[in-house]
Amino acid sequence: MKLLTNIALAALIAFPAVAQEQTVLERWEEDRTQVFDGAEITLDELNWVARPLVVFADTPNDPRFQQQMDLLLADMEQLAVRDVIVITDTDRTAMTDLRTTLRPRGYMMALIGKDGRVALRKPSPYSVRELSRSIDKMPLRQQEISDRRSVSE
């Protein structure tokens, strides 16, 4: 009985370690509606896999940041369909890969295409509907839609 208890305890202790070993992309694939911290992501790992939507602010208390997050969280499914990974960066002192590459000043929202190019920069909150329209106009998204149609026919 003691051996069985020790094995169960070891498994419980090891389980969080296994969960922590998952990459950001693996966690995103499991649940595309979650929001990630910019400190744990580099843009290069997302190329050709996801469209990063990065929301910057100097503090999480910035009203524009809070409004943007409310808009995004209200309709995350629409972003998930378009392979968008939502990333936040609210620590201006941490020079993350995102801050070094995109150089925000205060609040900024940036949408990056799967090819790694910045598709959109906005200094004010943007609705999911407006974001979806911008994404749907991208050439790669047009190709994805076309490919999906031809497979279903």
N, C-alpha and C. Protein backbone atom coordinates (compact mmCIF):
# COMPACT_ATOMS: atom_id res chain seq x y z
N MET A 1 0.82 -1.20 0.00
CA MET A 1 0.00 0.00 0.00
C MET A 1 0.86 1.26 0.00
N LYS A 2 1.95 1.21 0.79
CA LYS A 2 2.83 2.37 0.86
C LYS A 2 3.50 2.61 -0.49
N LEU A 3 3.86 1.53 -1.20
CA LEU A 3 4.48 1.66 -2.51
C LEU A 3 3.52 2.32 -3.49
N LEU A 4 2.26 1.90 -3.45
CA LEU A 4 1.24 2.48 -4.33
C LEU A 4 1.04 3.98 -4.03
N THR A 5 1.04 4.33 -2.78
CA THR A 5 0.90 5.74 -2.39
C THR A 5 2.09 6.56 -2.89
N ASN A 6 3.30 6.00 -2.74
CA ASN A 6 4.50 6.70 -3.21
C ASN A 6 4.49 6.89 -4.73
N ILE A 7 4.01 5.88 -5.45
CA ILE A 7 3.94 5.98 -6.91
C ILE A 7 2.93 7.07 -7.31
N ALA A 8 1.78 7.08 -6.65
CA ALA A 8 0.76 8.09 -6.94
C ALA A 8 1.28 9.49 -6.61
N LEU A 9 1.96 9.63 -5.50
CA LEU A 9 2.53 10.92 -5.11
C LEU A 9 3.59 11.37 -6.12
N ALA A 10 4.43 10.46 -6.56
CA ALA A 10 5.47 10.79 -7.55
C ALA A 10 4.83 11.23 -8.87
N ALA A 11 3.76 10.56 -9.24
CA ALA A 11 3.07 10.93 -10.48
C ALA A 11 2.47 12.33 -10.37
N LEU A 12 1.88 12.65 -9.24
CA LEU A 12 1.30 13.97 -9.05
C LEU A 12 2.36 15.06 -9.06
N ILE A 13 3.49 14.76 -8.48
CA ILE A 13 4.59 15.74 -8.47
C ILE A 13 5.16 15.91 -9.87
N ALA A 14 5.26 14.84 -10.62
CA ALA A 14 5.83 14.90 -11.97
C ALA A 14 4.87 15.55 -12.96
N PHE A 15 3.56 15.44 -12.74
CA PHE A 15 2.58 15.96 -13.70
C PHE A 15 2.74 17.45 -13.98
N PRO A 16 2.87 18.32 -12.97
CA PRO A 16 3.07 19.74 -13.27
C PRO A 16 4.35 19.98 -14.07
N ALA A 17 5.39 19.20 -13.82
CA ALA A 17 6.63 19.36 -14.57
C ALA A 17 6.42 19.04 -16.04
N VAL A 18 5.63 18.01 -16.33
CA VAL A 18 5.33 17.66 -17.72
C VAL A 18 4.52 18.77 -18.36
N ALA A 19 3.53 19.32 -17.65
CA ALA A 19 2.70 20.39 -18.19
C ALA A 19 3.55 21.63 -18.48
N GLN A 20 4.55 21.89 -17.65
CA GLN A 20 5.40 23.06 -17.84
C GLN A 20 6.31 22.88 -19.04
N GLU A 21 6.60 21.64 -19.43
CA GLU A 21 7.51 21.39 -20.54
C GLU A 21 6.85 21.62 -21.89
N GLN A 22 5.55 21.81 -21.92
CA GLN A 22 4.87 22.08 -23.19
C GLN A 22 5.32 23.43 -23.73
N THR A 23 5.47 23.48 -25.03
CA THR A 23 5.82 24.75 -25.66
C THR A 23 4.58 25.63 -25.72
N VAL A 24 4.80 26.89 -26.03
CA VAL A 24 3.69 27.83 -26.18
C VAL A 24 2.77 27.35 -27.29
N LEU A 25 3.34 26.90 -28.39
CA LEU A 25 2.51 26.43 -29.51
C LEU A 25 1.67 25.22 -29.15
N GLU A 26 2.24 24.31 -28.37
CA GLU A 26 1.47 23.14 -27.93
C GLU A 26 0.31 23.56 -27.03
N ARG A 27 0.57 24.50 -26.13
CA ARG A 27 -0.51 24.98 -25.25
C ARG A 27 -1.57 25.72 -26.05
N TRP A 28 -1.14 26.50 -27.07
CA TRP A 28 -2.08 27.23 -27.92
C TRP A 28 -2.92 26.26 -28.75
N GLU A 29 -2.31 25.19 -29.24
CA GLU A 29 -3.05 24.19 -30.02
C GLU A 29 -4.14 23.54 -29.17
N GLU A 30 -3.88 23.33 -27.89
CA GLU A 30 -4.87 22.72 -26.99
C GLU A 30 -6.04 23.66 -26.74
N ASP A 31 -5.75 24.95 -26.59
CA ASP A 31 -6.79 25.95 -26.31
C ASP A 31 -6.42 27.26 -26.97
N ARG A 32 -7.01 27.50 -28.14
CA ARG A 32 -6.67 28.68 -28.93
C ARG A 32 -7.31 29.96 -28.39
N THR A 33 -8.07 29.86 -27.32
CA THR A 33 -8.71 31.05 -26.77
C THR A 33 -7.96 31.61 -25.56
N GLN A 34 -6.82 31.06 -25.23
CA GLN A 34 -6.08 31.58 -24.09
C GLN A 34 -5.17 32.73 -24.50
N VAL A 35 -4.79 33.52 -23.53
CA VAL A 35 -3.94 34.69 -23.74
C VAL A 35 -2.57 34.37 -23.15
N PHE A 36 -1.51 34.72 -23.89
CA PHE A 36 -0.16 34.40 -23.47
C PHE A 36 0.60 35.65 -23.06
N ASP A 37 1.59 35.46 -22.19
CA ASP A 37 2.44 36.55 -21.73
C ASP A 37 3.60 36.71 -22.71
N GLY A 38 3.90 37.93 -23.08
CA GLY A 38 4.94 38.21 -24.05
C GLY A 38 6.32 37.75 -23.63
N ALA A 39 6.56 37.59 -22.34
CA ALA A 39 7.87 37.17 -21.87
C ALA A 39 8.20 35.73 -22.26
N GLU A 40 7.18 34.92 -22.54
CA GLU A 40 7.43 33.51 -22.84
C GLU A 40 7.41 33.20 -24.34
N ILE A 41 7.37 34.22 -25.19
CA ILE A 41 7.22 34.00 -26.62
C ILE A 41 8.26 34.77 -27.42
N THR A 42 8.77 34.11 -28.46
CA THR A 42 9.56 34.81 -29.47
C THR A 42 8.78 34.72 -30.77
N LEU A 43 8.81 35.78 -31.53
CA LEU A 43 8.02 35.84 -32.76
C LEU A 43 8.44 34.78 -33.78
N ASP A 44 9.73 34.46 -33.83
CA ASP A 44 10.21 33.49 -34.82
C ASP A 44 9.55 32.13 -34.68
N GLU A 45 9.23 31.72 -33.46
CA GLU A 45 8.62 30.40 -33.27
C GLU A 45 7.18 30.34 -33.79
N LEU A 46 6.59 31.49 -34.07
CA LEU A 46 5.20 31.53 -34.53
C LEU A 46 5.08 31.66 -36.05
N ASN A 47 6.20 31.90 -36.74
CA ASN A 47 6.16 32.08 -38.19
C ASN A 47 5.54 30.87 -38.89
N TRP A 48 4.62 31.17 -39.80
CA TRP A 48 3.92 30.20 -40.65
C TRP A 48 2.99 29.28 -39.87
N VAL A 49 2.81 29.55 -38.58
CA VAL A 49 1.92 28.73 -37.76
C VAL A 49 0.74 29.54 -37.24
N ALA A 50 1.01 30.74 -36.75
CA ALA A 50 -0.03 31.55 -36.13
C ALA A 50 0.16 33.02 -36.48
N ARG A 51 -0.91 33.77 -36.29
CA ARG A 51 -0.87 35.23 -36.48
C ARG A 51 -0.84 35.87 -35.09
N PRO A 52 0.31 36.35 -34.64
CA PRO A 52 0.37 36.98 -33.33
C PRO A 52 -0.38 38.32 -33.30
N LEU A 53 -1.18 38.49 -32.29
CA LEU A 53 -1.84 39.76 -32.00
C LEU A 53 -1.28 40.20 -30.65
N VAL A 54 -0.42 41.21 -30.67
CA VAL A 54 0.28 41.63 -29.47
C VAL A 54 -0.32 42.92 -28.95
N VAL A 55 -0.70 42.92 -27.69
CA VAL A 55 -1.27 44.10 -27.05
C VAL A 55 -0.27 44.57 -26.00
N PHE A 56 0.27 45.76 -26.24
CA PHE A 56 1.26 46.36 -25.34
C PHE A 56 0.62 47.45 -24.49
N ALA A 57 1.15 47.62 -23.30
CA ALA A 57 0.82 48.75 -22.43
C ALA A 57 1.94 48.87 -21.42
N ASP A 58 2.07 50.06 -20.84
CA ASP A 58 3.10 50.24 -19.81
C ASP A 58 2.67 49.64 -18.48
N THR A 59 1.37 49.44 -18.34
CA THR A 59 0.82 48.85 -17.12
C THR A 59 -0.50 48.16 -17.48
N PRO A 60 -0.85 47.09 -16.78
CA PRO A 60 -2.14 46.44 -17.07
C PRO A 60 -3.33 47.31 -16.66
N ASN A 61 -3.08 48.40 -15.96
CA ASN A 61 -4.16 49.30 -15.55
C ASN A 61 -4.50 50.35 -16.59
N ASP A 62 -3.78 50.38 -17.69
CA ASP A 62 -4.06 51.34 -18.77
C ASP A 62 -5.48 51.09 -19.27
N PRO A 63 -6.35 52.10 -19.27
CA PRO A 63 -7.74 51.92 -19.70
C PRO A 63 -7.86 51.40 -21.14
N ARG A 64 -6.95 51.82 -22.01
CA ARG A 64 -7.00 51.33 -23.40
C ARG A 64 -6.67 49.85 -23.45
N PHE A 65 -5.70 49.42 -22.64
CA PHE A 65 -5.35 48.00 -22.57
C PHE A 65 -6.54 47.20 -22.06
N GLN A 66 -7.16 47.67 -21.00
CA GLN A 66 -8.32 46.96 -20.44
C GLN A 66 -9.47 46.89 -21.44
N GLN A 67 -9.72 47.99 -22.15
CA GLN A 67 -10.79 47.99 -23.14
C GLN A 67 -10.47 47.02 -24.28
N GLN A 68 -9.22 47.01 -24.74
CA GLN A 68 -8.83 46.09 -25.81
C GLN A 68 -9.00 44.64 -25.38
N MET A 69 -8.58 44.33 -24.18
CA MET A 69 -8.70 42.95 -23.70
C MET A 69 -10.17 42.55 -23.56
N ASP A 70 -11.00 43.45 -23.10
CA ASP A 70 -12.44 43.16 -23.01
C ASP A 70 -13.01 42.86 -24.39
N LEU A 71 -12.62 43.65 -25.39
CA LEU A 71 -13.09 43.42 -26.76
C LEU A 71 -12.63 42.07 -27.29
N LEU A 72 -11.37 41.73 -27.04
CA LEU A 72 -10.83 40.47 -27.53
C LEU A 72 -11.45 39.27 -26.83
N LEU A 73 -11.53 39.34 -25.51
CA LEU A 73 -12.05 38.20 -24.74
C LEU A 73 -13.52 37.93 -25.01
N ALA A 74 -14.25 38.93 -25.46
CA ALA A 74 -15.67 38.75 -25.75
C ALA A 74 -15.90 37.90 -27.00
N ASP A 75 -14.89 37.79 -27.87
CA ASP A 75 -15.09 37.06 -29.13
C ASP A 75 -13.82 36.33 -29.57
N MET A 76 -13.19 35.62 -28.66
CA MET A 76 -11.94 34.92 -28.96
C MET A 76 -12.11 33.83 -30.02
N GLU A 77 -13.30 33.27 -30.13
CA GLU A 77 -13.53 32.18 -31.10
C GLU A 77 -13.28 32.66 -32.53
N GLN A 78 -13.68 33.90 -32.84
CA GLN A 78 -13.46 34.44 -34.18
C GLN A 78 -11.97 34.58 -34.48
N LEU A 79 -11.20 34.89 -33.48
CA LEU A 79 -9.75 34.99 -33.66
C LEU A 79 -9.12 33.61 -33.79
N ALA A 80 -9.61 32.66 -33.01
CA ALA A 80 -9.09 31.29 -33.06
C ALA A 80 -9.27 30.68 -34.44
N VAL A 81 -10.40 30.94 -35.07
CA VAL A 81 -10.68 30.43 -36.42
C VAL A 81 -9.64 30.96 -37.41
N ARG A 82 -9.12 32.14 -37.15
CA ARG A 82 -8.16 32.79 -38.05
C ARG A 82 -6.71 32.57 -37.60
N ASP A 83 -6.49 31.59 -36.75
CA ASP A 83 -5.15 31.23 -36.26
C ASP A 83 -4.44 32.38 -35.55
N VAL A 84 -5.19 33.17 -34.80
CA VAL A 84 -4.61 34.29 -34.06
C VAL A 84 -4.25 33.84 -32.65
N ILE A 85 -3.03 34.14 -32.25
CA ILE A 85 -2.59 33.90 -30.88
C ILE A 85 -2.48 35.26 -30.20
N VAL A 86 -3.20 35.44 -29.11
CA VAL A 86 -3.23 36.73 -28.41
C VAL A 86 -2.13 36.74 -27.35
N ILE A 87 -1.33 37.80 -27.41
CA ILE A 87 -0.18 37.94 -26.52
C ILE A 87 -0.24 39.33 -25.87
N THR A 88 0.01 39.38 -24.58
CA THR A 88 0.05 40.67 -23.89
C THR A 88 1.45 40.94 -23.35
N ASP A 89 1.80 42.20 -23.30
CA ASP A 89 3.08 42.63 -22.74
C ASP A 89 2.83 43.95 -22.03
N THR A 90 2.77 43.89 -20.71
CA THR A 90 2.46 45.08 -19.92
C THR A 90 3.60 45.48 -18.97
N ASP A 91 4.80 45.00 -19.25
CA ASP A 91 5.95 45.35 -18.41
C ASP A 91 6.97 46.09 -19.28
N ARG A 92 6.94 47.42 -19.22
CA ARG A 92 7.83 48.19 -20.08
C ARG A 92 9.30 48.06 -19.71
N THR A 93 9.60 47.59 -18.50
CA THR A 93 10.99 47.44 -18.09
C THR A 93 11.61 46.15 -18.61
N ALA A 94 10.79 45.17 -18.92
CA ALA A 94 11.30 43.90 -19.45
C ALA A 94 11.49 44.04 -20.96
N MET A 95 12.69 43.91 -21.41
CA MET A 95 12.96 44.03 -22.84
C MET A 95 12.77 42.67 -23.51
N THR A 96 11.52 42.32 -23.69
CA THR A 96 11.18 41.05 -24.33
C THR A 96 11.49 41.12 -25.82
N ASP A 97 11.48 39.97 -26.46
CA ASP A 97 11.67 39.90 -27.92
C ASP A 97 10.63 40.76 -28.62
N LEU A 98 9.42 40.75 -28.09
CA LEU A 98 8.34 41.52 -28.70
C LEU A 98 8.60 43.01 -28.63
N ARG A 99 9.01 43.49 -27.46
CA ARG A 99 9.28 44.93 -27.29
C ARG A 99 10.49 45.37 -28.12
N THR A 100 11.49 44.53 -28.19
CA THR A 100 12.67 44.87 -28.97
C THR A 100 12.34 44.95 -30.46
N THR A 101 11.51 44.05 -30.94
CA THR A 101 11.17 44.01 -32.35
C THR A 101 10.16 45.08 -32.74
N LEU A 102 9.11 45.26 -31.94
CA LEU A 102 8.00 46.13 -32.32
C LEU A 102 8.09 47.56 -31.76
N ARG A 103 8.91 47.77 -30.75
CA ARG A 103 9.17 49.09 -30.16
C ARG A 103 7.91 49.91 -29.85
N PRO A 104 7.08 49.42 -28.95
CA PRO A 104 5.87 50.18 -28.62
C PRO A 104 6.19 51.38 -27.72
N ARG A 105 5.31 52.36 -27.77
CA ARG A 105 5.39 53.50 -26.85
C ARG A 105 4.06 53.59 -26.16
N GLY A 106 4.00 53.17 -24.92
CA GLY A 106 2.73 53.14 -24.21
C GLY A 106 1.85 52.04 -24.76
N TYR A 107 0.56 52.35 -24.93
CA TYR A 107 -0.38 51.37 -25.47
C TYR A 107 -0.16 51.23 -26.98
N MET A 108 -0.18 49.99 -27.44
CA MET A 108 -0.14 49.70 -28.87
C MET A 108 -0.63 48.28 -29.09
N MET A 109 -1.36 48.10 -30.18
CA MET A 109 -1.78 46.77 -30.58
C MET A 109 -1.16 46.51 -31.95
N ALA A 110 -0.53 45.34 -32.13
CA ALA A 110 0.08 45.00 -33.41
C ALA A 110 -0.38 43.61 -33.84
N LEU A 111 -0.78 43.51 -35.10
CA LEU A 111 -1.16 42.24 -35.70
C LEU A 111 -0.04 41.87 -36.67
N ILE A 112 0.47 40.66 -36.51
CA ILE A 112 1.57 40.19 -37.34
C ILE A 112 1.08 39.01 -38.16
N GLY A 113 1.39 39.02 -39.43
CA GLY A 113 0.98 37.93 -40.31
C GLY A 113 1.77 36.67 -40.05
N LYS A 114 1.32 35.56 -40.61
CA LYS A 114 2.04 34.31 -40.45
C LYS A 114 3.44 34.37 -41.04
N ASP A 115 3.65 35.28 -41.99
CA ASP A 115 4.96 35.43 -42.61
C ASP A 115 5.92 36.27 -41.76
N GLY A 116 5.45 36.78 -40.63
CA GLY A 116 6.29 37.55 -39.72
C GLY A 116 6.29 39.05 -39.96
N ARG A 117 5.53 39.51 -40.94
CA ARG A 117 5.45 40.95 -41.23
C ARG A 117 4.35 41.60 -40.40
N VAL A 118 4.61 42.82 -39.97
CA VAL A 118 3.61 43.57 -39.22
C VAL A 118 2.52 43.99 -40.21
N ALA A 119 1.31 43.53 -39.98
CA ALA A 119 0.19 43.81 -40.87
C ALA A 119 -0.61 45.03 -40.41
N LEU A 120 -0.58 45.29 -39.11
CA LEU A 120 -1.42 46.34 -38.56
C LEU A 120 -0.85 46.82 -37.24
N ARG A 121 -0.81 48.14 -37.05
CA ARG A 121 -0.43 48.76 -35.77
C ARG A 121 -1.52 49.75 -35.43
N LYS A 122 -1.99 49.70 -34.20
CA LYS A 122 -3.05 50.62 -33.80
C LYS A 122 -2.72 51.22 -32.44
N PRO A 123 -2.87 52.55 -32.31
CA PRO A 123 -2.62 53.22 -31.03
C PRO A 123 -3.85 53.28 -30.13
N SER A 124 -4.95 52.68 -30.59
CA SER A 124 -6.17 52.66 -29.79
C SER A 124 -6.85 51.30 -29.96
N PRO A 125 -7.76 50.95 -29.07
CA PRO A 125 -8.42 49.64 -29.15
C PRO A 125 -9.16 49.43 -30.47
N TYR A 126 -9.20 48.18 -30.87
CA TYR A 126 -9.75 47.76 -32.16
C TYR A 126 -10.67 46.58 -31.89
N SER A 127 -11.83 46.55 -32.51
CA SER A 127 -12.78 45.45 -32.26
C SER A 127 -12.36 44.18 -32.99
N VAL A 128 -12.88 43.05 -32.54
CA VAL A 128 -12.60 41.77 -33.18
C VAL A 128 -13.14 41.77 -34.61
N ARG A 129 -14.26 42.44 -34.81
CA ARG A 129 -14.83 42.52 -36.15
C ARG A 129 -13.87 43.23 -37.10
N GLU A 130 -13.30 44.35 -36.66
CA GLU A 130 -12.34 45.08 -37.49
C GLU A 130 -11.07 44.26 -37.72
N LEU A 131 -10.61 43.57 -36.68
CA LEU A 131 -9.44 42.71 -36.82
C LEU A 131 -9.71 41.58 -37.81
N SER A 132 -10.88 40.98 -37.71
CA SER A 132 -11.24 39.87 -38.60
C SER A 132 -11.24 40.33 -40.06
N ARG A 133 -11.77 41.51 -40.29
CA ARG A 133 -11.76 42.05 -41.66
C ARG A 133 -10.34 42.24 -42.17
N SER A 134 -9.49 42.79 -41.33
CA SER A 134 -8.09 43.01 -41.73
C SER A 134 -7.39 41.68 -42.03
N ILE A 135 -7.64 40.69 -41.20
CA ILE A 135 -7.02 39.37 -41.41
C ILE A 135 -7.55 38.73 -42.68
N ASP A 136 -8.85 38.82 -42.90
CA ASP A 136 -9.45 38.17 -44.07
C ASP A 136 -8.98 38.79 -45.39
N LYS A 137 -8.43 39.99 -45.35
CA LYS A 137 -7.89 40.63 -46.55
C LYS A 137 -6.46 40.20 -46.85
N MET A 138 -5.80 39.53 -45.90
CA MET A 138 -4.40 39.12 -46.10
C MET A 138 -4.33 38.02 -47.16
N PRO A 139 -3.33 38.08 -48.04
CA PRO A 139 -3.21 37.07 -49.10
C PRO A 139 -3.15 35.62 -48.58
N LEU A 140 -2.41 35.39 -47.50
CA LEU A 140 -2.32 34.02 -46.98
C LEU A 140 -3.66 33.55 -46.44
N ARG A 141 -4.40 34.43 -45.80
CA ARG A 141 -5.74 34.07 -45.30
C ARG A 141 -6.67 33.78 -46.47
N GLN A 142 -6.58 34.56 -47.54
CA GLN A 142 -7.39 34.30 -48.74
C GLN A 142 -7.09 32.90 -49.27
N GLN A 143 -5.81 32.53 -49.28
CA GLN A 143 -5.41 31.19 -49.75
C GLN A 143 -5.96 30.11 -48.83
N GLU A 144 -5.92 30.35 -47.51
CA GLU A 144 -6.47 29.38 -46.56
C GLU A 144 -7.96 29.16 -46.79
N ILE A 145 -8.69 30.24 -47.02
CA ILE A 145 -10.13 30.14 -47.28
C ILE A 145 -10.38 29.37 -48.57
N SER A 146 -9.61 29.68 -49.61
CA SER A 146 -9.73 28.99 -50.89
C SER A 146 -9.42 27.50 -50.76
N ASP A 147 -8.37 27.18 -50.03
CA ASP A 147 -7.99 25.78 -49.83
C ASP A 147 -9.08 25.03 -49.07
N ARG A 148 -9.65 25.67 -48.07
CA ARG A 148 -10.71 25.05 -47.27
C ARG A 148 -11.94 24.74 -48.13
N ARG A 149 -12.27 25.67 -49.04
CA ARG A 149 -13.42 25.48 -49.93
C ARG A 149 -13.18 24.31 -50.87
N SER A 150 -11.98 24.22 -51.43
CA SER A 150 -11.70 23.16 -52.39
C SER A 150 -11.67 21.79 -51.73
N VAL A 151 -11.29 21.71 -50.48
CA VAL A 151 -11.28 20.44 -49.75
C VAL A 151 -12.70 19.99 -49.45
N SER A 152 -13.58 20.94 -49.12
CA SER A 152 -14.96 20.59 -48.76
C SER A 152 -15.82 20.25 -49.97
N GLU A 153 -15.37 20.57 -51.16
CA GLU A 153 -16.17 20.28 -52.37
C GLU A 153 -15.98 18.89 -52.87
